[in-house]
Protein backbone atom coordinates (compact mmCIF):
# COMPACT_ATOMS: atom_id res chain seq x y z
CA UNK A 1 0.09 -0.18 0.04
CA UNK A 2 1.56 3.13 -1.07
CA UNK A 3 2.09 5.38 2.80
CA UNK A 4 -0.04 8.13 1.64
CA UNK A 5 -3.02 6.25 0.59
CA UNK A 6 -2.42 3.68 3.74
CA UNK A 7 -2.16 6.96 6.04
CA UNK A 8 -5.51 8.25 4.64
CA UNK A 9 -7.06 5.10 5.13
CA UNK A 10 -6.09 4.34 8.65
CA UNK A 11 -6.77 8.00 9.46
CA UNK A 12 -10.31 8.04 7.94
CA UNK A 13 -11.08 4.49 9.63
CA UNK A 14 -10.17 5.82 13.13
CA UNK A 15 -12.65 8.61 13.05
CA UNK A 16 -15.33 7.37 10.74
CA UNK A 17 -18.35 7.97 12.86
CA UNK A 18 -20.30 4.63 13.56
CA UNK A 19 -23.70 6.57 13.49
CA UNK A 20 -26.40 5.23 11.23
CA UNK A 21 -23.85 1.93 10.72
CA UNK A 22 -26.80 -0.47 10.29
CA UNK A 23 -28.24 1.81 7.35
CA UNK A 24 -31.68 0.84 5.44
CA UNK A 25 -31.05 -1.71 2.60
CA UNK A 26 -34.34 -0.39 0.73
CA UNK A 27 -33.02 3.28 0.91
CA UNK A 28 -29.78 1.66 -0.47
CA UNK A 29 -30.80 0.26 -3.53
CA UNK A 30 -32.68 3.30 -4.75
CA UNK A 31 -29.45 5.51 -4.33
CA UNK A 32 -27.26 2.51 -5.82
CA UNK A 33 -29.57 2.48 -8.49
CA UNK A 34 -29.20 6.52 -8.71
CA UNK A 35 -25.57 7.38 -8.11
CA UNK A 36 -23.54 3.60 -8.61
CA UNK A 37 -25.46 1.34 -10.91
CA UNK A 38 -24.40 3.65 -13.92
CA UNK A 39 -20.68 2.23 -13.83
CA UNK A 40 -21.54 -0.88 -11.24
CA UNK A 41 -23.46 -4.28 -10.89
CA UNK A 42 -24.86 -6.35 -7.99
CA UNK A 43 -26.65 -9.71 -8.23
CA UNK A 44 -26.81 -13.16 -9.72
CA UNK A 45 -25.85 -11.84 -12.88
CA UNK A 46 -23.14 -8.84 -12.10
CA UNK A 47 -20.19 -8.39 -14.12
CA UNK A 48 -17.58 -5.41 -14.50
CA UNK A 49 -18.89 -2.79 -16.77
CA UNK A 50 -17.07 0.79 -16.43
CA UNK A 51 -16.31 -0.23 -12.95
CA UNK A 52 -15.86 -3.42 -11.03
CA UNK A 53 -19.19 -5.87 -10.11
CA UNK A 54 -19.61 -5.59 -5.98
CA UNK A 55 -21.06 -8.92 -5.07
CA UNK A 56 -18.74 -9.54 -2.00
CA UNK A 57 -17.10 -6.25 -1.94
CA UNK A 58 -16.75 -6.36 1.96
CA UNK A 59 -13.63 -8.14 3.11
CA UNK A 60 -12.22 -8.07 -0.42
CA UNK A 61 -8.71 -6.69 -1.49
CA UNK A 62 -8.73 -3.48 -3.55
CA UNK A 63 -8.18 -4.16 -7.39
CA UNK A 64 -8.35 -7.99 -6.82
CA UNK A 65 -11.56 -9.32 -9.34
CA UNK A 66 -10.02 -10.75 -12.66
CA UNK A 67 -13.47 -9.15 -14.96
CA UNK A 68 -11.82 -5.46 -14.33
CA UNK A 69 -8.85 -4.06 -15.63
CA UNK A 70 -8.37 -1.31 -12.54
CA UNK A 71 -6.05 1.45 -12.10
CA UNK A 72 -2.48 0.98 -11.65
CA UNK A 73 -3.17 2.64 -8.01
CA UNK A 74 -6.32 0.72 -6.96
CA UNK A 75 -4.31 -2.56 -7.73
CA UNK A 76 -1.78 -1.38 -5.33
CA UNK A 77 -3.61 0.31 -2.95
CA UNK A 78 -3.65 -2.85 -0.57
CA UNK A 79 -6.96 -2.37 1.12
CA UNK A 80 -9.51 -4.76 2.16
CA UNK A 81 -12.89 -3.49 2.09
CA UNK A 82 -14.84 -3.13 5.19
CA UNK A 83 -17.36 -0.82 5.92
CA UNK A 84 -15.22 1.35 7.84
CA UNK A 85 -12.76 1.32 4.34
CA UNK A 86 -16.17 1.36 2.37
CA UNK A 87 -17.31 4.48 3.95
CA UNK A 88 -14.21 6.44 3.70
CA UNK A 89 -13.82 5.45 -0.17
CA UNK A 90 -17.33 6.81 -0.67
CA UNK A 91 -16.96 9.89 1.14
CA UNK A 92 -13.92 10.63 -0.92
CA UNK A 93 -12.81 8.32 -3.71
CA UNK A 94 -9.48 10.34 -4.53
CA UNK A 95 -8.29 10.71 -0.72
CA UNK A 96 -8.42 7.29 0.03
CA UNK A 97 -6.65 6.06 -3.25
CA UNK A 98 -5.27 8.80 -4.90
CA UNK A 99 -5.06 7.89 -8.86
CA UNK A 100 -8.10 5.81 -8.98
CA UNK A 101 -10.03 6.53 -12.37
CA UNK A 102 -14.04 6.45 -10.36
CA UNK A 103 -15.16 9.43 -11.35
CA UNK A 104 -17.42 9.95 -7.88
CA UNK A 105 -17.15 13.21 -6.11
CA UNK A 106 -17.97 11.55 -3.05
CA UNK A 107 -21.07 10.89 -1.17
CA UNK A 108 -21.01 13.29 2.06
CA UNK A 109 -24.02 12.21 3.87
CA UNK A 110 -23.30 9.63 6.60
CA UNK A 111 -26.77 8.09 6.33
CA UNK A 112 -26.87 7.51 2.73
CA UNK A 113 -23.27 6.21 2.70
CA UNK A 114 -24.78 3.84 5.10
CA UNK A 115 -27.75 3.14 3.33
CA UNK A 116 -25.67 2.04 -0.15
CA UNK A 117 -23.30 -0.54 2.16
CA UNK A 118 -26.55 -1.69 4.07
CA UNK A 119 -27.59 -2.79 -0.02
CA UNK A 120 -24.09 -3.95 -0.83
CA UNK A 121 -24.30 -6.24 2.31
CA UNK A 122 -27.16 -7.93 0.89
CA UNK A 123 -24.61 -9.32 -2.24
CA UNK A 124 -22.53 -10.36 0.21
CA UNK A 125 -23.17 -14.08 -0.75
CA UNK A 126 -23.85 -13.50 -4.08
CA UNK A 127 -21.67 -15.09 -6.89
């Protein structure tokens, strides 16, 4: 993991607010469709498109799926996606992984982040 990205993730993880950690998966489904679904897929037939598929994202290493061409920054980030690291990434992708190709400015509402993560959690057993 590059030192700057590692320090950023560590600090963001340490200070990430646990409020709304459970989230609302139904609200997250709507948000995902609106803000993530243009590039990412989830579910039984999910595949990579403009972004990697997000089935089983929790506990996955960054840049590790085989059906997507990740940026060098994402491949070398060395991040394990957890609730904390995903929260930090959704809030400020380019701060957590400088050089990422993800074109998303971030989601500043902690409740909305928790909702999206709750929705993604429903695909933790999907293939």
